[in-house]
Amino acid sequence: METAEFDYELPSERIAQEPLARRDQAKLLVLHRQDGRVEHRHVFDLPELLRSGDLLVVNDTRVRPARMRARRASGGQLEFLLLRPDGGDRCWLALARPARRARSGEWLELVPPDGQALPPARIRVLDRLDAGEVRLEVPGDVAGLLPAYGEVPLPPYIRAPLRDPERYQTVYGRVEGSAAAPTAGLHFTQDLLARLETAGVRRAGLTLHVGLGTFRPLSSARIEDHTMHAEWFEVPPSTAAAVDDARRSGRRVIAVGTTVVRTLEASATGNGAVRAGSGWTDLYITPGRPFATVDALLTNFHLPRSTLLVLVSAFAGRERVLAAYREAVRLGYRFFSFGDAMLIV
């Protein structure tokens, strides 16, 4: 399929620049896959929209403060987003901006956030790779360096600084390691989770550390020519058992976000069950691929020409998804990370 088939027009004012005052106040477009019917609700309506016995599967990753600013000897600055270790604790794969200024072998001095007075620290560019990626040498203890020099990385389309970094974390996140938030989960509050539990909706967690595989845009003319980067995941035995029990008993498995879909589908055994374990997945879900484990999906509105929009289209049908997106634009829904949500059932 042509990448252009997954494009749509989005006025810039529809891109949410900051989170709502309350997470669960977001609008919720409910799309029924069977007949294309659309409802307009709010996230706080989920206890009414889901069924007793449904299994809600969430991604419990937390965003690492992985954005660092560095100064060249000439005084110019670069920004790096650490993605994952690459060949050792001190070697990291990162995105550089502007990438053209990153020079192999060059040492750079880290710039403390907000002008703080911190002990000096340096990083070195080892190699320049494709698509803005670099390999960095990060001397010392990265786990100790990032809380001091790192910042929570917001997507480039969000221009306003985030007053409370916890608003780019889910309330149930527990395993730090992502370079971006699993944004469908940002809509939940502790109160909403409690109401869902009272309504009989069960919950299980897994981990996928969001990296370049999730947010790298499609760059080829055909979606089939895109290559996904691998991301680390873990499915606990308790979650595998909960999914298997739900599938056997005819209860719905509802994925909170595309990262959960990819993790469950990558762990599928072939009969709707999932295997517990951890590893790396570069699973790329495109239209025509059957879904073995997921019955419904809660997700945000995604960028045009993105693997996320392709996945959602595979789940609900490209024409119906794009029609729902056009309706959301017309009705003033907010898009992307801090935007509104869709429930596809």
Protein backbone atom coordinates (compact mmCIF):
# COMPACT_ATOMS: atom_id res chain seq x y z
CA MET A 1 0.00 0.00 0.00
CA GLU A 2 1.10 3.55 -0.67
CA THR A 3 2.21 5.62 2.33
CA ALA A 4 0.15 8.50 0.94
CA GLU A 5 -2.98 6.47 1.65
CA PHE A 6 -2.35 7.05 5.37
CA ASP A 7 -2.28 10.83 5.17
CA TYR A 8 -4.89 13.31 6.37
CA GLU A 9 -5.21 17.06 6.83
CA LEU A 10 -4.76 18.37 10.35
CA PRO A 11 -4.88 22.08 11.23
CA SER A 12 -2.00 22.99 13.53
CA GLU A 13 -4.39 24.31 16.17
CA ARG A 14 -5.69 20.74 16.65
CA ILE A 15 -2.30 19.58 18.00
CA ALA A 16 -2.58 19.60 21.80
CA GLN A 17 0.24 21.62 23.36
CA GLU A 18 -0.44 20.78 26.99
CA PRO A 19 -2.39 18.23 29.01
CA LEU A 20 -5.89 18.91 30.27
CA ALA A 21 -6.34 19.92 33.90
CA ARG A 22 -7.72 16.43 34.60
CA ARG A 23 -6.51 13.42 32.65
CA ASP A 24 -9.85 11.65 32.21
CA GLN A 25 -11.67 14.76 30.93
CA ALA A 26 -10.38 14.02 27.40
CA LYS A 27 -12.94 13.44 24.67
CA LEU A 28 -13.39 9.83 23.58
CA LEU A 29 -14.44 8.87 20.07
CA VAL A 30 -15.91 5.36 20.15
CA LEU A 31 -15.57 3.56 16.80
CA HIS A 32 -17.50 0.33 16.26
CA ARG A 33 -15.55 -1.86 13.86
CA GLN A 34 -18.49 -3.98 12.75
CA ASP A 35 -20.63 -1.22 11.27
CA GLY A 36 -18.51 1.95 11.43
CA ARG A 37 -20.83 3.59 13.94
CA VAL A 38 -19.28 6.45 15.93
CA GLU A 39 -20.14 7.74 19.41
CA HIS A 40 -18.76 10.82 21.12
CA ARG A 41 -18.09 10.37 24.82
CA HIS A 42 -15.35 11.14 27.37
CA VAL A 43 -12.63 8.99 28.88
CA PHE A 44 -14.36 9.16 32.28
CA ASP A 45 -17.24 7.21 30.63
CA LEU A 46 -15.08 4.08 30.26
CA PRO A 47 -16.72 2.24 33.20
CA GLU A 48 -20.04 2.51 31.31
CA LEU A 49 -18.54 1.57 27.94
CA LEU A 50 -16.60 -1.50 29.05
CA ARG A 51 -18.07 -4.77 30.30
CA SER A 52 -17.67 -6.58 33.56
CA GLY A 53 -15.00 -9.21 32.99
CA ASP A 54 -13.14 -7.25 30.31
CA LEU A 55 -9.36 -7.40 30.71
CA LEU A 56 -7.59 -4.06 30.35
CA VAL A 57 -3.90 -4.53 29.49
CA VAL A 58 -1.64 -1.53 30.14
CA ASN A 59 2.00 -0.69 29.45
CA ASP A 60 3.68 0.10 32.77
CA THR A 61 6.84 1.69 31.35
CA ARG A 62 8.02 5.08 32.59
CA VAL A 63 9.73 7.73 30.49
CA ARG A 64 13.44 8.05 31.17
CA PRO A 65 14.78 11.67 31.46
CA ALA A 66 16.77 10.87 28.34
CA ARG A 67 17.04 14.22 26.58
CA MET A 68 20.42 15.85 27.12
CA ARG A 69 21.88 19.07 25.76
CA ALA A 70 25.58 19.30 24.98
CA ARG A 71 27.92 22.12 24.00
CA ARG A 72 30.68 21.89 21.40
CA ALA A 73 34.08 23.50 21.98
CA SER A 74 33.06 26.21 19.49
CA GLY A 75 30.02 27.07 21.64
CA GLY A 76 27.32 25.53 19.44
CA GLN A 77 24.78 23.22 21.05
CA LEU A 78 23.31 19.86 20.12
CA GLU A 79 20.50 17.86 21.67
CA PHE A 80 20.58 14.08 22.14
CA LEU A 81 17.78 11.67 22.95
CA LEU A 82 19.16 8.45 24.41
CA LEU A 83 17.26 5.47 23.03
CA ARG A 84 18.95 2.34 24.37
CA PRO A 85 22.34 0.85 25.27
CA ASP A 86 24.24 -0.31 22.20
CA GLY A 87 27.16 -2.64 22.79
CA GLY A 88 27.83 -1.91 26.44
CA ASP A 89 26.71 0.26 29.33
CA ARG A 90 28.71 3.26 28.13
CA CYS A 91 27.69 3.08 24.48
CA TRP A 92 24.22 4.35 23.61
CA LEU A 93 22.12 4.69 20.48
CA ALA A 94 20.68 8.20 20.36
CA LEU A 95 18.92 10.68 18.12
CA ALA A 96 20.86 13.89 17.51
CA ARG A 97 19.42 17.29 16.66
CA PRO A 98 20.65 18.85 14.46
CA ALA A 99 22.23 15.57 13.34
CA ARG A 100 24.40 17.19 10.65
CA ARG A 101 26.47 18.92 13.37
CA ALA A 102 27.36 15.68 15.15
CA ARG A 103 30.95 14.78 14.25
CA SER A 104 32.44 11.34 14.85
CA GLY A 105 35.06 11.39 17.58
CA GLU A 106 34.04 14.77 18.98
CA TRP A 107 33.76 15.33 22.74
CA LEU A 108 30.97 17.59 23.96
CA GLU A 109 30.28 19.11 27.37
CA LEU A 110 26.88 18.40 28.87
CA VAL A 111 24.78 21.47 29.65
CA PRO A 112 22.90 21.34 32.98
CA PRO A 113 19.17 21.98 32.67
CA ASP A 114 17.89 25.36 33.86
CA GLY A 115 21.43 26.66 34.46
CA GLN A 116 22.05 24.44 37.48
CA ALA A 117 25.54 24.22 38.92
CA LEU A 118 26.66 20.62 38.42
CA PRO A 119 30.02 18.84 38.19
CA PRO A 120 31.28 18.89 34.58
CA ALA A 121 30.47 15.86 32.42
CA ARG A 122 31.21 15.02 28.80
CA ILE A 123 29.97 12.67 26.09
CA ARG A 124 31.60 11.61 22.82
CA VAL A 125 30.08 10.99 19.40
CA LEU A 126 31.37 7.60 18.24
CA ASP A 127 29.58 7.24 14.89
CA ARG A 128 26.95 8.98 12.81
CA LEU A 129 24.28 6.60 11.56
CA ASP A 130 21.24 7.01 9.33
CA ALA A 131 18.05 9.00 9.99
CA GLY A 132 19.61 11.31 12.58
CA GLU A 133 20.92 8.51 14.77
CA VAL A 134 24.34 8.45 16.42
CA ARG A 135 26.28 6.16 18.73
CA LEU A 136 27.47 7.94 21.87
CA GLU A 137 30.01 7.17 24.52
CA VAL A 138 28.53 8.23 27.84
CA PRO A 139 31.26 7.91 30.50
CA GLY A 140 30.38 7.04 34.06
CA ASP A 141 27.09 5.91 35.53
CA VAL A 142 24.24 6.73 33.12
CA ALA A 143 21.66 5.96 35.80
CA GLY A 144 23.23 8.66 37.95
CA LEU A 145 23.89 11.06 35.09
CA LEU A 146 20.38 11.28 33.65
CA PRO A 147 18.57 12.53 36.78
CA ALA A 148 21.07 15.41 36.93
CA TYR A 149 21.57 16.29 33.25
CA GLY A 150 18.57 14.70 31.60
CA GLU A 151 15.11 16.08 30.90
CA VAL A 152 11.84 14.36 30.05
CA PRO A 153 11.77 14.30 26.24
CA LEU A 154 8.63 15.79 24.75
CA PRO A 155 7.74 15.24 21.08
CA PRO A 156 8.96 18.01 18.73
CA TYR A 157 5.41 19.14 17.91
CA ILE A 158 4.91 20.21 21.56
CA ARG A 159 6.44 23.67 21.79
CA ALA A 160 5.39 24.67 25.31
CA PRO A 161 7.50 23.51 28.29
CA LEU A 162 5.78 21.03 30.59
CA ARG A 163 5.17 22.50 34.04
CA ASP A 164 4.79 19.10 35.71
CA PRO A 165 6.92 16.30 34.18
CA GLU A 166 4.66 13.70 35.82
CA ARG A 167 1.93 14.62 33.35
CA TYR A 168 4.02 12.85 30.69
CA GLN A 169 3.95 9.68 32.82
CA THR A 170 1.09 7.26 33.41
CA VAL A 171 -0.18 6.96 36.97
CA TYR A 172 0.64 3.23 36.95
CA GLY A 173 4.10 3.43 35.34
CA ARG A 174 6.78 1.62 37.31
CA VAL A 175 9.66 0.50 35.02
CA GLU A 176 11.80 3.35 33.72
CA GLY A 177 13.20 2.94 30.23
CA SER A 178 11.10 4.67 27.55
CA ALA A 179 12.14 7.53 25.30
CA ALA A 180 8.48 8.55 24.88
CA ALA A 181 5.26 7.99 26.80
CA PRO A 182 2.70 5.29 25.96
CA THR A 183 0.22 8.10 25.46
CA ALA A 184 -3.06 6.17 25.58
CA GLY A 185 -2.31 5.49 29.24
CA LEU A 186 -1.96 9.18 30.08
CA HIS A 187 -5.76 9.47 30.31
CA PHE A 188 -6.14 7.31 33.42
CA THR A 189 -6.43 8.61 36.96
CA GLN A 190 -6.38 6.55 40.13
CA ASP A 191 -10.07 7.38 40.57
CA LEU A 192 -10.92 6.11 37.08
CA LEU A 193 -8.96 2.91 37.68
CA ALA A 194 -10.88 2.38 40.92
CA ARG A 195 -14.21 2.94 39.14
CA LEU A 196 -13.25 0.43 36.45
CA GLU A 197 -12.36 -2.12 39.12
CA THR A 198 -15.72 -1.55 40.82
CA ALA A 199 -17.40 -2.11 37.44
CA GLY A 200 -15.72 -5.51 37.20
CA VAL A 201 -13.06 -4.57 34.64
CA ARG A 202 -9.84 -6.46 35.34
CA ARG A 203 -6.35 -5.09 34.72
CA ALA A 204 -2.97 -6.59 33.84
CA GLY A 205 0.36 -4.99 33.00
CA LEU A 206 3.25 -5.55 30.65
CA THR A 207 6.26 -3.47 29.67
CA LEU A 208 7.42 -2.15 26.32
CA HIS A 209 10.06 0.57 26.42
CA VAL A 210 9.02 3.01 23.72
CA GLY A 211 11.88 3.82 21.38
CA LEU A 212 12.57 4.67 17.77
CA GLY A 213 10.48 1.77 16.52
CA THR A 214 7.29 3.39 17.77
CA PHE A 215 7.76 7.00 16.75
CA ARG A 216 10.01 6.88 13.68
CA PRO A 217 7.89 8.16 10.74
CA LEU A 218 7.33 6.27 7.51
CA SER A 219 9.97 7.39 5.03
CA SER A 220 9.34 5.06 2.08
CA ALA A 221 6.74 5.40 -0.66
CA ARG A 222 5.17 2.07 0.27
CA ILE A 223 4.38 1.04 3.83
CA GLU A 224 5.74 -2.46 3.21
CA ASP A 225 9.24 -1.03 2.67
CA HIS A 226 9.46 0.50 6.13
CA THR A 227 11.81 -1.16 8.65
CA MET A 228 10.89 -1.11 12.35
CA HIS A 229 13.55 -0.70 15.02
CA ALA A 230 13.43 -3.24 17.82
CA GLU A 231 12.10 -2.33 21.27
CA TRP A 232 12.48 -4.24 24.54
CA PHE A 233 9.41 -5.80 26.15
CA GLU A 234 8.41 -8.06 29.02
CA VAL A 235 5.20 -10.03 29.55
CA PRO A 236 4.93 -11.28 33.17
CA PRO A 237 3.53 -14.78 33.75
CA SER A 238 0.52 -13.28 35.58
CA THR A 239 -0.37 -11.17 32.54
CA ALA A 240 0.04 -14.08 30.12
CA ALA A 241 -2.24 -16.15 32.35
CA ALA A 242 -4.83 -13.35 32.58
CA VAL A 243 -4.94 -12.93 28.79
CA ASP A 244 -5.20 -16.69 28.25
CA ASP A 245 -8.02 -16.97 30.80
CA ALA A 246 -9.92 -14.10 29.18
CA ARG A 247 -9.57 -15.63 25.72
CA ARG A 248 -10.71 -19.07 26.90
CA SER A 249 -13.74 -17.68 28.73
CA GLY A 250 -14.85 -15.38 25.89
CA ARG A 251 -14.07 -12.15 27.71
CA ARG A 252 -12.59 -9.21 25.79
CA VAL A 253 -8.91 -8.26 25.90
CA ILE A 254 -8.65 -4.48 25.61
CA ALA A 255 -5.23 -3.04 24.78
CA VAL A 256 -4.40 0.39 26.18
CA GLY A 257 -2.26 1.71 23.36
CA THR A 258 -0.52 0.43 20.27
CA THR A 259 2.54 -0.64 22.30
CA VAL A 260 0.36 -3.15 24.16
CA VAL A 261 -1.02 -4.45 20.86
CA ARG A 262 2.47 -4.98 19.46
CA THR A 263 3.69 -6.69 22.63
CA LEU A 264 0.73 -9.06 22.86
CA GLU A 265 0.79 -9.89 19.17
CA ALA A 266 4.57 -10.44 19.25
CA SER A 267 4.04 -12.86 22.16
CA ALA A 268 1.10 -14.73 20.62
CA THR A 269 1.44 -18.51 20.39
CA GLY A 270 -0.94 -18.99 17.49
CA ASN A 271 -4.15 -19.94 19.31
CA GLY A 272 -4.87 -16.61 21.00
CA ALA A 273 -2.68 -17.36 24.00
CA VAL A 274 0.44 -15.35 24.82
CA ARG A 275 3.73 -16.58 26.21
CA ALA A 276 5.39 -14.96 29.19
CA GLY A 277 8.93 -13.70 28.75
CA SER A 278 11.06 -10.79 27.65
CA GLY A 279 13.05 -9.83 24.58
CA TRP A 280 13.09 -7.48 21.62
CA THR A 281 10.36 -6.99 19.05
CA ASP A 282 10.38 -5.24 15.69
CA LEU A 283 6.85 -6.37 14.85
CA TYR A 284 5.30 -4.09 12.24
CA ILE A 285 1.53 -4.51 11.94
CA THR A 286 0.02 -3.55 8.57
CA PRO A 287 -3.45 -4.02 7.03
CA GLY A 288 -4.23 -7.64 6.24
CA ARG A 289 -2.48 -9.10 9.27
CA PRO A 290 -4.88 -10.98 11.59
CA PHE A 291 -5.00 -10.09 15.29
CA ALA A 292 -4.63 -13.07 17.59
CA THR A 293 -5.00 -11.57 21.06
CA VAL A 294 -6.71 -8.15 21.07
CA ASP A 295 -10.46 -7.50 20.88
CA ALA A 296 -10.59 -3.73 21.48
CA LEU A 297 -8.13 -0.85 21.53
CA LEU A 298 -7.91 2.42 23.42
CA THR A 299 -5.56 4.75 21.57
CA ASN A 300 -4.80 8.39 20.86
CA PHE A 301 -5.04 10.14 17.48
CA HIS A 302 -1.77 9.55 15.63
CA LEU A 303 0.43 11.45 13.20
CA PRO A 304 -0.21 11.17 9.47
CA ARG A 305 2.02 8.68 7.64
CA SER A 306 3.04 6.92 10.86
CA THR A 307 3.35 3.24 11.76
CA LEU A 308 0.86 3.90 14.57
CA LEU A 309 -1.83 5.06 12.13
CA VAL A 310 -1.04 2.03 9.95
CA LEU A 311 -1.53 -0.29 12.96
CA VAL A 312 -4.84 1.31 13.94
CA SER A 313 -5.97 1.05 10.31
CA ALA A 314 -5.05 -2.63 10.31
CA PHE A 315 -7.23 -3.11 13.39
CA ALA A 316 -10.30 -1.13 12.32
CA GLY A 317 -9.99 -0.57 8.57
CA ARG A 318 -8.24 2.33 6.87
CA GLU A 319 -11.37 3.96 5.45
CA ARG A 320 -13.26 3.85 8.75
CA VAL A 321 -10.28 5.14 10.74
CA LEU A 322 -9.64 8.05 8.38
CA ALA A 323 -13.36 8.89 8.33
CA ALA A 324 -13.31 8.95 12.14
CA TYR A 325 -10.22 11.19 12.06
CA ARG A 326 -11.97 13.63 9.70
CA GLU A 327 -14.95 13.70 12.06
CA ALA A 328 -12.65 14.33 15.02
CA VAL A 329 -10.97 17.23 13.20
CA ARG A 330 -14.35 18.71 12.32
CA LEU A 331 -15.58 18.48 15.92
CA GLY A 332 -12.47 20.02 17.46
CA TYR A 333 -10.84 16.96 19.02
CA ARG A 334 -7.27 17.44 20.24
CA PHE A 335 -4.60 15.33 18.56
CA PHE A 336 -1.38 13.49 19.44
CA SER A 337 0.34 12.94 22.81
CA PHE A 338 -1.70 15.28 25.04
CA GLY A 339 -4.80 15.00 22.88
CA ASP A 340 -8.07 13.10 23.02
CA ALA A 341 -8.63 9.36 22.57
CA MET A 342 -10.39 6.69 20.52
CA LEU A 343 -11.94 3.47 21.77
CA ILE A 344 -12.17 0.93 18.96
CA VAL A 345 -14.52 -1.95 19.77
